[in-house]
């Protein structure tokens, strides 16, 4: 469970090692996969 906000015009970086969840998080924002919970 995490919460964050991305503002209009941001260059918002998501950093971390392989397997940290970066791409999974981006795919949820794109709507490619659905989140288990949260909004």
ModelCIF file with pLDDT and N, C-alpha, C, O atoms, coordinates in Angstrom:
data_MODEL
#
_entry.id   MODEL 
#
_entity.id                         1 
_entity.type                       polymer 
_entity.pdbx_number_of_molecules   1 
#
_entity_poly.entity_id                      1 
_entity_poly.type                           'polypeptide(L)' 
_entity_poly.nstd_linkage                   no 
_entity_poly.nstd_monomer                   no 
_entity_poly.pdbx_seq_one_letter_code       
;(UNK)(UNK)(UNK)(UNK)(UNK)(UNK)(UNK)(UNK)(UNK)(UNK)(UNK)(UNK)(UNK)(UNK)(UNK)(UNK)
(UNK)(UNK)(UNK)(UNK)(UNK)(UNK)(UNK)(UNK)(UNK)(UNK)(UNK)(UNK)(UNK)(UNK)(UNK)(UNK)
(UNK)(UNK)(UNK)(UNK)(UNK)(UNK)(UNK)
;
_entity_poly.pdbx_seq_one_letter_code_can   XXXXXXXXXXXXXXXXXXXXXXXXXXXXXXXXXXXXXXX 
_entity_poly.pdbx_strand_id                 A 
#
loop_
_entity_poly_seq.entity_id 
_entity_poly_seq.num 
_entity_poly_seq.mon_id 
_entity_poly_seq.hetero 
1 1  UNK n 
1 2  UNK n 
1 3  UNK n 
1 4  UNK n 
1 5  UNK n 
1 6  UNK n 
1 7  UNK n 
1 8  UNK n 
1 9  UNK n 
1 10 UNK n 
1 11 UNK n 
1 12 UNK n 
1 13 UNK n 
1 14 UNK n 
1 15 UNK n 
1 16 UNK n 
1 17 UNK n 
1 18 UNK n 
1 19 UNK n 
1 20 UNK n 
1 21 UNK n 
1 22 UNK n 
1 23 UNK n 
1 24 UNK n 
1 25 UNK n 
1 26 UNK n 
1 27 UNK n 
1 28 UNK n 
1 29 UNK n 
1 30 UNK n 
1 31 UNK n 
1 32 UNK n 
1 33 UNK n 
1 34 UNK n 
1 35 UNK n 
1 36 UNK n 
1 37 UNK n 
1 38 UNK n 
1 39 UNK n 
#
_struct_asym.id          A 
_struct_asym.entity_id   1 
#
loop_
_ma_qa_metric.id 
_ma_qa_metric.mode 
_ma_qa_metric.name 
_ma_qa_metric.software_group_id 
_ma_qa_metric.type 
1 global pLDDT . pLDDT 
2 local  pLDDT . pLDDT 
#
_ma_qa_metric_global.metric_id      1 
_ma_qa_metric_global.metric_value   91.21 
_ma_qa_metric_global.model_id       1 
_ma_qa_metric_global.ordinal_id     1 
#
loop_
_ma_qa_metric_local.label_asym_id 
_ma_qa_metric_local.label_comp_id 
_ma_qa_metric_local.label_seq_id 
_ma_qa_metric_local.metric_id 
_ma_qa_metric_local.metric_value 
_ma_qa_metric_local.model_id 
_ma_qa_metric_local.ordinal_id 
A UNK 1  2 94.00 1 1  
A UNK 2  2 94.00 1 2  
A UNK 3  2 95.00 1 3  
A UNK 4  2 94.00 1 4  
A UNK 5  2 95.00 1 5  
A UNK 6  2 95.00 1 6  
A UNK 7  2 95.00 1 7  
A UNK 8  2 94.00 1 8  
A UNK 9  2 94.00 1 9  
A UNK 10 2 95.00 1 10 
A UNK 11 2 95.00 1 11 
A UNK 12 2 96.00 1 12 
A UNK 13 2 95.00 1 13 
A UNK 14 2 94.00 1 14 
A UNK 15 2 90.00 1 15 
A UNK 16 2 86.00 1 16 
A UNK 17 2 82.00 1 17 
A UNK 18 2 79.00 1 18 
A UNK 19 2 79.00 1 19 
A UNK 20 2 86.00 1 20 
A UNK 21 2 88.00 1 21 
A UNK 22 2 90.00 1 22 
A UNK 23 2 87.00 1 23 
A UNK 24 2 90.00 1 24 
A UNK 25 2 93.00 1 25 
A UNK 26 2 91.00 1 26 
A UNK 27 2 90.00 1 27 
A UNK 28 2 93.00 1 28 
A UNK 29 2 92.00 1 29 
A UNK 30 2 91.00 1 30 
A UNK 31 2 89.00 1 31 
A UNK 32 2 90.00 1 32 
A UNK 33 2 91.00 1 33 
A UNK 34 2 91.00 1 34 
A UNK 35 2 92.00 1 35 
A UNK 36 2 92.00 1 36 
A UNK 37 2 93.00 1 37 
A UNK 38 2 93.00 1 38 
A UNK 39 2 94.00 1 39 
#
loop_
_atom_site.group_PDB 
_atom_site.id 
_atom_site.type_symbol 
_atom_site.label_atom_id 
_atom_site.label_alt_id 
_atom_site.label_comp_id 
_atom_site.label_asym_id 
_atom_site.label_entity_id 
_atom_site.label_seq_id 
_atom_site.pdbx_PDB_ins_code 
_atom_site.Cartn_x 
_atom_site.Cartn_y 
_atom_site.Cartn_z 
_atom_site.occupancy 
_atom_site.B_iso_or_equiv 
_atom_site.pdbx_formal_charge 
_atom_site.auth_seq_id 
_atom_site.auth_comp_id 
_atom_site.auth_asym_id 
_atom_site.auth_atom_id 
_atom_site.pdbx_PDB_model_num 
ATOM 1   N N  . UNK A 1 1  ? 0.817  -1.227 0.000   1.00 94.00 ? 1  UNK A N  1 
ATOM 2   C CA . UNK A 1 1  ? 0.000  0.000  0.000   1.00 94.00 ? 1  UNK A CA 1 
ATOM 3   C C  . UNK A 1 1  ? 0.846  1.272  0.000   1.00 94.00 ? 1  UNK A C  1 
ATOM 4   O O  . UNK A 1 1  ? 1.689  1.483  0.872   1.00 94.00 ? 1  UNK A O  1 
ATOM 5   N N  . UNK A 1 2  ? 0.596  2.109  -1.003  1.00 94.00 ? 2  UNK A N  1 
ATOM 6   C CA . UNK A 1 2  ? 1.346  3.365  -1.117  1.00 94.00 ? 2  UNK A CA 1 
ATOM 7   C C  . UNK A 1 2  ? 0.442  4.471  -1.624  1.00 94.00 ? 2  UNK A C  1 
ATOM 8   O O  . UNK A 1 2  ? -0.577 4.223  -2.269  1.00 94.00 ? 2  UNK A O  1 
ATOM 9   N N  . UNK A 1 3  ? 0.836  5.689  -1.321  1.00 95.00 ? 3  UNK A N  1 
ATOM 10  C CA . UNK A 1 3  ? 0.108  6.877  -1.781  1.00 95.00 ? 3  UNK A CA 1 
ATOM 11  C C  . UNK A 1 3  ? 1.120  7.898  -2.296  1.00 95.00 ? 3  UNK A C  1 
ATOM 12  O O  . UNK A 1 3  ? 2.152  8.138  -1.670  1.00 95.00 ? 3  UNK A O  1 
ATOM 13  N N  . UNK A 1 4  ? 0.810  8.488  -3.436  1.00 94.00 ? 4  UNK A N  1 
ATOM 14  C CA . UNK A 1 4  ? 1.651  9.562  -3.969  1.00 94.00 ? 4  UNK A CA 1 
ATOM 15  C C  . UNK A 1 4  ? 0.852  10.376 -4.972  1.00 94.00 ? 4  UNK A C  1 
ATOM 16  O O  . UNK A 1 4  ? -0.197 9.937  -5.443  1.00 94.00 ? 4  UNK A O  1 
ATOM 17  N N  . UNK A 1 5  ? 1.350  11.560 -5.296  1.00 95.00 ? 5  UNK A N  1 
ATOM 18  C CA . UNK A 1 5  ? 0.673  12.451 -6.236  1.00 95.00 ? 5  UNK A CA 1 
ATOM 19  C C  . UNK A 1 5  ? 1.663  12.933 -7.289  1.00 95.00 ? 5  UNK A C  1 
ATOM 20  O O  . UNK A 1 5  ? 2.808  13.261 -6.980  1.00 95.00 ? 5  UNK A O  1 
ATOM 21  N N  . UNK A 1 6  ? 1.201  12.972 -8.543  1.00 95.00 ? 6  UNK A N  1 
ATOM 22  C CA . UNK A 1 6  ? 2.003  13.475 -9.658  1.00 95.00 ? 6  UNK A CA 1 
ATOM 23  C C  . UNK A 1 6  ? 1.301  14.700 -10.212 1.00 95.00 ? 6  UNK A C  1 
ATOM 24  O O  . UNK A 1 6  ? 0.144  14.624 -10.628 1.00 95.00 ? 6  UNK A O  1 
ATOM 25  N N  . UNK A 1 7  ? 1.992  15.824 -10.220 1.00 95.00 ? 7  UNK A N  1 
ATOM 26  C CA . UNK A 1 7  ? 1.390  17.080 -10.655 1.00 95.00 ? 7  UNK A CA 1 
ATOM 27  C C  . UNK A 1 7  ? 1.503  17.264 -12.165 1.00 95.00 ? 7  UNK A C  1 
ATOM 28  O O  . UNK A 1 7  ? 2.379  16.684 -12.807 1.00 95.00 ? 7  UNK A O  1 
ATOM 29  N N  . UNK A 1 8  ? 0.627  18.060 -12.712 1.00 94.00 ? 8  UNK A N  1 
ATOM 30  C CA . UNK A 1 8  ? 0.645  18.348 -14.141 1.00 94.00 ? 8  UNK A CA 1 
ATOM 31  C C  . UNK A 1 8  ? 1.955  19.045 -14.496 1.00 94.00 ? 8  UNK A C  1 
ATOM 32  O O  . UNK A 1 8  ? 2.360  20.006 -13.843 1.00 94.00 ? 8  UNK A O  1 
ATOM 33  N N  . UNK A 1 9  ? 2.612  18.542 -15.545 1.00 94.00 ? 9  UNK A N  1 
ATOM 34  C CA . UNK A 1 9  ? 3.882  19.122 -15.974 1.00 94.00 ? 9  UNK A CA 1 
ATOM 35  C C  . UNK A 1 9  ? 5.093  18.555 -15.279 1.00 94.00 ? 9  UNK A C  1 
ATOM 36  O O  . UNK A 1 9  ? 6.220  18.944 -15.583 1.00 94.00 ? 9  UNK A O  1 
ATOM 37  N N  . UNK A 1 10 ? 4.879  17.623 -14.331 1.00 95.00 ? 10 UNK A N  1 
ATOM 38  C CA . UNK A 1 10 ? 6.003  17.001 -13.637 1.00 95.00 ? 10 UNK A CA 1 
ATOM 39  C C  . UNK A 1 10 ? 6.818  16.117 -14.574 1.00 95.00 ? 10 UNK A C  1 
ATOM 40  O O  . UNK A 1 10 ? 6.299  15.566 -15.545 1.00 95.00 ? 10 UNK A O  1 
ATOM 41  N N  . UNK A 1 11 ? 8.097  15.998 -14.261 1.00 95.00 ? 11 UNK A N  1 
ATOM 42  C CA . UNK A 1 11 ? 8.895  14.864 -14.717 1.00 95.00 ? 11 UNK A CA 1 
ATOM 43  C C  . UNK A 1 11 ? 9.139  14.054 -13.459 1.00 95.00 ? 11 UNK A C  1 
ATOM 44  O O  . UNK A 1 11 ? 10.083 14.303 -12.710 1.00 95.00 ? 11 UNK A O  1 
ATOM 45  N N  . UNK A 1 12 ? 8.275  13.085 -13.244 1.00 96.00 ? 12 UNK A N  1 
ATOM 46  C CA . UNK A 1 12 ? 8.241  12.355 -11.973 1.00 96.00 ? 12 UNK A CA 1 
ATOM 47  C C  . UNK A 1 12 ? 9.026  11.059 -12.127 1.00 96.00 ? 12 UNK A C  1 
ATOM 48  O O  . UNK A 1 12 ? 8.644  10.183 -12.903 1.00 96.00 ? 12 UNK A O  1 
ATOM 49  N N  . UNK A 1 13 ? 10.111 10.942 -11.393 1.00 95.00 ? 13 UNK A N  1 
ATOM 50  C CA . UNK A 1 13 ? 10.960 9.760  -11.476 1.00 95.00 ? 13 UNK A CA 1 
ATOM 51  C C  . UNK A 1 13 ? 10.559 8.688  -10.482 1.00 95.00 ? 13 UNK A C  1 
ATOM 52  O O  . UNK A 1 13 ? 10.290 8.978  -9.316  1.00 95.00 ? 13 UNK A O  1 
ATOM 53  N N  . UNK A 1 14 ? 10.522 7.447  -10.948 1.00 94.00 ? 14 UNK A N  1 
ATOM 54  C CA . UNK A 1 14 ? 10.315 6.297  -10.064 1.00 94.00 ? 14 UNK A CA 1 
ATOM 55  C C  . UNK A 1 14 ? 11.587 5.466  -10.134 1.00 94.00 ? 14 UNK A C  1 
ATOM 56  O O  . UNK A 1 14 ? 11.879 4.844  -11.155 1.00 94.00 ? 14 UNK A O  1 
ATOM 57  N N  . UNK A 1 15 ? 12.344 5.463  -9.036  1.00 90.00 ? 15 UNK A N  1 
ATOM 58  C CA . UNK A 1 15 ? 13.662 4.834  -9.010  1.00 90.00 ? 15 UNK A CA 1 
ATOM 59  C C  . UNK A 1 15 ? 13.642 3.594  -8.134  1.00 90.00 ? 15 UNK A C  1 
ATOM 60  O O  . UNK A 1 15 ? 12.827 3.471  -7.220  1.00 90.00 ? 15 UNK A O  1 
ATOM 61  N N  . UNK A 1 16 ? 14.545 2.688  -8.427  1.00 86.00 ? 16 UNK A N  1 
ATOM 62  C CA . UNK A 1 16 ? 14.668 1.482  -7.621  1.00 86.00 ? 16 UNK A CA 1 
ATOM 63  C C  . UNK A 1 16 ? 15.325 0.381  -8.416  1.00 86.00 ? 16 UNK A C  1 
ATOM 64  O O  . UNK A 1 16 ? 15.485 0.490  -9.632  1.00 86.00 ? 16 UNK A O  1 
ATOM 65  N N  . UNK A 1 17 ? 15.705 -0.675 -7.733  1.00 82.00 ? 17 UNK A N  1 
ATOM 66  C CA . UNK A 1 17 ? 16.351 -1.806 -8.385  1.00 82.00 ? 17 UNK A CA 1 
ATOM 67  C C  . UNK A 1 17 ? 15.331 -2.649 -9.146  1.00 82.00 ? 17 UNK A C  1 
ATOM 68  O O  . UNK A 1 17 ? 14.124 -2.451 -9.004  1.00 82.00 ? 17 UNK A O  1 
ATOM 69  N N  . UNK A 1 18 ? 15.816 -3.579 -9.944  1.00 79.00 ? 18 UNK A N  1 
ATOM 70  C CA . UNK A 1 18 ? 14.925 -4.516 -10.632 1.00 79.00 ? 18 UNK A CA 1 
ATOM 71  C C  . UNK A 1 18 ? 14.123 -5.294 -9.598  1.00 79.00 ? 18 UNK A C  1 
ATOM 72  O O  . UNK A 1 18 ? 14.663 -5.769 -8.599  1.00 79.00 ? 18 UNK A O  1 
ATOM 73  N N  . UNK A 1 19 ? 12.821 -5.415 -9.858  1.00 79.00 ? 19 UNK A N  1 
ATOM 74  C CA . UNK A 1 19 ? 11.961 -6.124 -8.917  1.00 79.00 ? 19 UNK A CA 1 
ATOM 75  C C  . UNK A 1 19 ? 11.407 -5.252 -7.818  1.00 79.00 ? 19 UNK A C  1 
ATOM 76  O O  . UNK A 1 19 ? 10.747 -5.750 -6.906  1.00 79.00 ? 19 UNK A O  1 
ATOM 77  N N  . UNK A 1 20 ? 11.666 -3.942 -7.885  1.00 86.00 ? 20 UNK A N  1 
ATOM 78  C CA . UNK A 1 20 ? 11.178 -3.054 -6.833  1.00 86.00 ? 20 UNK A CA 1 
ATOM 79  C C  . UNK A 1 20 ? 9.720  -2.657 -7.033  1.00 86.00 ? 20 UNK A C  1 
ATOM 80  O O  . UNK A 1 20 ? 9.097  -2.125 -6.114  1.00 86.00 ? 20 UNK A O  1 
ATOM 81  N N  . UNK A 1 21 ? 9.166  -2.907 -8.222  1.00 88.00 ? 21 UNK A N  1 
ATOM 82  C CA . UNK A 1 21 ? 7.764  -2.581 -8.483  1.00 88.00 ? 21 UNK A CA 1 
ATOM 83  C C  . UNK A 1 21 ? 7.547  -1.371 -9.359  1.00 88.00 ? 21 UNK A C  1 
ATOM 84  O O  . UNK A 1 21 ? 6.409  -0.931 -9.521  1.00 88.00 ? 21 UNK A O  1 
ATOM 85  N N  . UNK A 1 22 ? 8.609  -0.813 -9.934  1.00 90.00 ? 22 UNK A N  1 
ATOM 86  C CA . UNK A 1 22 ? 8.500  0.405  -10.737 1.00 90.00 ? 22 UNK A CA 1 
ATOM 87  C C  . UNK A 1 22 ? 7.553  0.219  -11.921 1.00 90.00 ? 22 UNK A C  1 
ATOM 88  O O  . UNK A 1 22 ? 6.603  0.981  -12.101 1.00 90.00 ? 22 UNK A O  1 
ATOM 89  N N  . UNK A 1 23 ? 7.834  -0.811 -12.724 1.00 87.00 ? 23 UNK A N  1 
ATOM 90  C CA . UNK A 1 23 ? 7.039  -1.032 -13.928 1.00 87.00 ? 23 UNK A CA 1 
ATOM 91  C C  . UNK A 1 23 ? 5.618  -1.458 -13.589 1.00 87.00 ? 23 UNK A C  1 
ATOM 92  O O  . UNK A 1 23 ? 4.679  -1.065 -14.282 1.00 87.00 ? 23 UNK A O  1 
ATOM 93  N N  . UNK A 1 24 ? 5.439  -2.251 -12.542 1.00 90.00 ? 24 UNK A N  1 
ATOM 94  C CA . UNK A 1 24 ? 4.090  -2.651 -12.113 1.00 90.00 ? 24 UNK A CA 1 
ATOM 95  C C  . UNK A 1 24 ? 3.266  -1.430 -11.745 1.00 90.00 ? 24 UNK A C  1 
ATOM 96  O O  . UNK A 1 24 ? 2.090  -1.341 -12.100 1.00 90.00 ? 24 UNK A O  1 
ATOM 97  N N  . UNK A 1 25 ? 3.873  -0.492 -11.037 1.00 93.00 ? 25 UNK A N  1 
ATOM 98  C CA . UNK A 1 25 ? 3.181  0.737  -10.651 1.00 93.00 ? 25 UNK A CA 1 
ATOM 99  C C  . UNK A 1 25 ? 2.779  1.532  -11.888 1.00 93.00 ? 25 UNK A C  1 
ATOM 100 O O  . UNK A 1 25 ? 1.655  2.030  -11.968 1.00 93.00 ? 25 UNK A O  1 
ATOM 101 N N  . UNK A 1 26 ? 3.697  1.656  -12.862 1.00 91.00 ? 26 UNK A N  1 
ATOM 102 C CA . UNK A 1 26 ? 3.399  2.405  -14.083 1.00 91.00 ? 26 UNK A CA 1 
ATOM 103 C C  . UNK A 1 26 ? 2.292  1.729  -14.887 1.00 91.00 ? 26 UNK A C  1 
ATOM 104 O O  . UNK A 1 26 ? 1.442  2.413  -15.457 1.00 91.00 ? 26 UNK A O  1 
ATOM 105 N N  . UNK A 1 27 ? 2.287  0.406  -14.941 1.00 90.00 ? 27 UNK A N  1 
ATOM 106 C CA . UNK A 1 27 ? 1.260  -0.329 -15.692 1.00 90.00 ? 27 UNK A CA 1 
ATOM 107 C C  . UNK A 1 27 ? -0.118 -0.157 -15.051 1.00 90.00 ? 27 UNK A C  1 
ATOM 108 O O  . UNK A 1 27 ? -1.131 -0.159 -15.750 1.00 90.00 ? 27 UNK A O  1 
ATOM 109 N N  . UNK A 1 28 ? -0.158 -0.009 -13.741 1.00 93.00 ? 28 UNK A N  1 
ATOM 110 C CA . UNK A 1 28 ? -1.439 0.257  -13.078 1.00 93.00 ? 28 UNK A CA 1 
ATOM 111 C C  . UNK A 1 28 ? -1.939 1.655  -13.418 1.00 93.00 ? 28 UNK A C  1 
ATOM 112 O O  . UNK A 1 28 ? -3.130 1.846  -13.661 1.00 93.00 ? 28 UNK A O  1 
ATOM 113 N N  . UNK A 1 29 ? -1.037 2.634  -13.435 1.00 92.00 ? 29 UNK A N  1 
ATOM 114 C CA . UNK A 1 29 ? -1.424 4.003  -13.780 1.00 92.00 ? 29 UNK A CA 1 
ATOM 115 C C  . UNK A 1 29 ? -1.945 4.058  -15.220 1.00 92.00 ? 29 UNK A C  1 
ATOM 116 O O  . UNK A 1 29 ? -2.869 4.813  -15.522 1.00 92.00 ? 29 UNK A O  1 
ATOM 117 N N  . UNK A 1 30 ? -1.348 3.255  -16.103 1.00 91.00 ? 30 UNK A N  1 
ATOM 118 C CA . UNK A 1 30 ? -1.784 3.214  -17.497 1.00 91.00 ? 30 UNK A CA 1 
ATOM 119 C C  . UNK A 1 30 ? -3.096 2.458  -17.675 1.00 91.00 ? 30 UNK A C  1 
ATOM 120 O O  . UNK A 1 30 ? -3.752 2.585  -18.708 1.00 91.00 ? 30 UNK A O  1 
ATOM 121 N N  . UNK A 1 31 ? -3.479 1.673  -16.671 1.00 89.00 ? 31 UNK A N  1 
ATOM 122 C CA . UNK A 1 31 ? -4.701 0.887  -16.782 1.00 89.00 ? 31 UNK A CA 1 
ATOM 123 C C  . UNK A 1 31 ? -4.495 -0.451 -17.460 1.00 89.00 ? 31 UNK A C  1 
ATOM 124 O O  . UNK A 1 31 ? -5.464 -1.124 -17.810 1.00 89.00 ? 31 UNK A O  1 
ATOM 125 N N  . UNK A 1 32 ? -3.245 -0.846 -17.652 1.00 90.00 ? 32 UNK A N  1 
ATOM 126 C CA . UNK A 1 32 ? -2.949 -2.137 -18.277 1.00 90.00 ? 32 UNK A CA 1 
ATOM 127 C C  . UNK A 1 32 ? -3.287 -3.274 -17.323 1.00 90.00 ? 32 UNK A C  1 
ATOM 128 O O  . UNK A 1 32 ? -3.810 -4.309 -17.737 1.00 90.00 ? 32 UNK A O  1 
ATOM 129 N N  . UNK A 1 33 ? -2.984 -3.074 -16.034 1.00 91.00 ? 33 UNK A N  1 
ATOM 130 C CA . UNK A 1 33 ? -3.376 -4.029 -15.006 1.00 91.00 ? 33 UNK A CA 1 
ATOM 131 C C  . UNK A 1 33 ? -4.124 -3.270 -13.913 1.00 91.00 ? 33 UNK A C  1 
ATOM 132 O O  . UNK A 1 33 ? -3.909 -2.073 -13.719 1.00 91.00 ? 33 UNK A O  1 
ATOM 133 N N  . UNK A 1 34 ? -4.994 -3.967 -13.209 1.00 91.00 ? 34 UNK A N  1 
ATOM 134 C CA . UNK A 1 34 ? -5.785 -3.330 -12.164 1.00 91.00 ? 34 UNK A CA 1 
ATOM 135 C C  . UNK A 1 34 ? -5.111 -3.499 -10.814 1.00 91.00 ? 34 UNK A C  1 
ATOM 136 O O  . UNK A 1 34 ? -4.433 -4.494 -10.559 1.00 91.00 ? 34 UNK A O  1 
ATOM 137 N N  . UNK A 1 35 ? -5.309 -2.516 -9.965  1.00 92.00 ? 35 UNK A N  1 
ATOM 138 C CA . UNK A 1 35 ? -4.788 -2.614 -8.601  1.00 92.00 ? 35 UNK A CA 1 
ATOM 139 C C  . UNK A 1 35 ? -5.656 -3.579 -7.796  1.00 92.00 ? 35 UNK A C  1 
ATOM 140 O O  . UNK A 1 35 ? -6.847 -3.734 -8.069  1.00 92.00 ? 35 UNK A O  1 
ATOM 141 N N  . UNK A 1 36 ? -5.049 -4.222 -6.805  1.00 92.00 ? 36 UNK A N  1 
ATOM 142 C CA . UNK A 1 36 ? -5.795 -5.129 -5.934  1.00 92.00 ? 36 UNK A CA 1 
ATOM 143 C C  . UNK A 1 36 ? -6.692 -4.354 -4.987  1.00 92.00 ? 36 UNK A C  1 
ATOM 144 O O  . UNK A 1 36 ? -7.815 -4.761 -4.691  1.00 92.00 ? 36 UNK A O  1 
ATOM 145 N N  . UNK A 1 37 ? -6.171 -3.228 -4.517  1.00 93.00 ? 37 UNK A N  1 
ATOM 146 C CA . UNK A 1 37 ? -6.951 -2.353 -3.638  1.00 93.00 ? 37 UNK A CA 1 
ATOM 147 C C  . UNK A 1 37 ? -6.439 -0.938 -3.768  1.00 93.00 ? 37 UNK A C  1 
ATOM 148 O O  . UNK A 1 37 ? -5.411 -0.696 -4.401  1.00 93.00 ? 37 UNK A O  1 
ATOM 149 N N  . UNK A 1 38 ? -7.162 0.009  -3.163  1.00 93.00 ? 38 UNK A N  1 
ATOM 150 C CA . UNK A 1 38 ? -6.794 1.409  -3.265  1.00 93.00 ? 38 UNK A CA 1 
ATOM 151 C C  . UNK A 1 38 ? -7.409 2.056  -4.494  1.00 93.00 ? 38 UNK A C  1 
ATOM 152 O O  . UNK A 1 38 ? -8.110 1.401  -5.265  1.00 93.00 ? 38 UNK A O  1 
ATOM 153 N N  . UNK A 1 39 ? -7.146 3.334  -4.672  1.00 94.00 ? 39 UNK A N  1 
ATOM 154 C CA . UNK A 1 39 ? -7.740 4.066  -5.794  1.00 94.00 ? 39 UNK A CA 1 
ATOM 155 C C  . UNK A 1 39 ? -6.689 4.855  -6.557  1.00 94.00 ? 39 UNK A C  1 
ATOM 156 O O  . UNK A 1 39 ? -7.013 5.530  -7.534  1.00 94.00 ? 39 UNK A O  1 
#
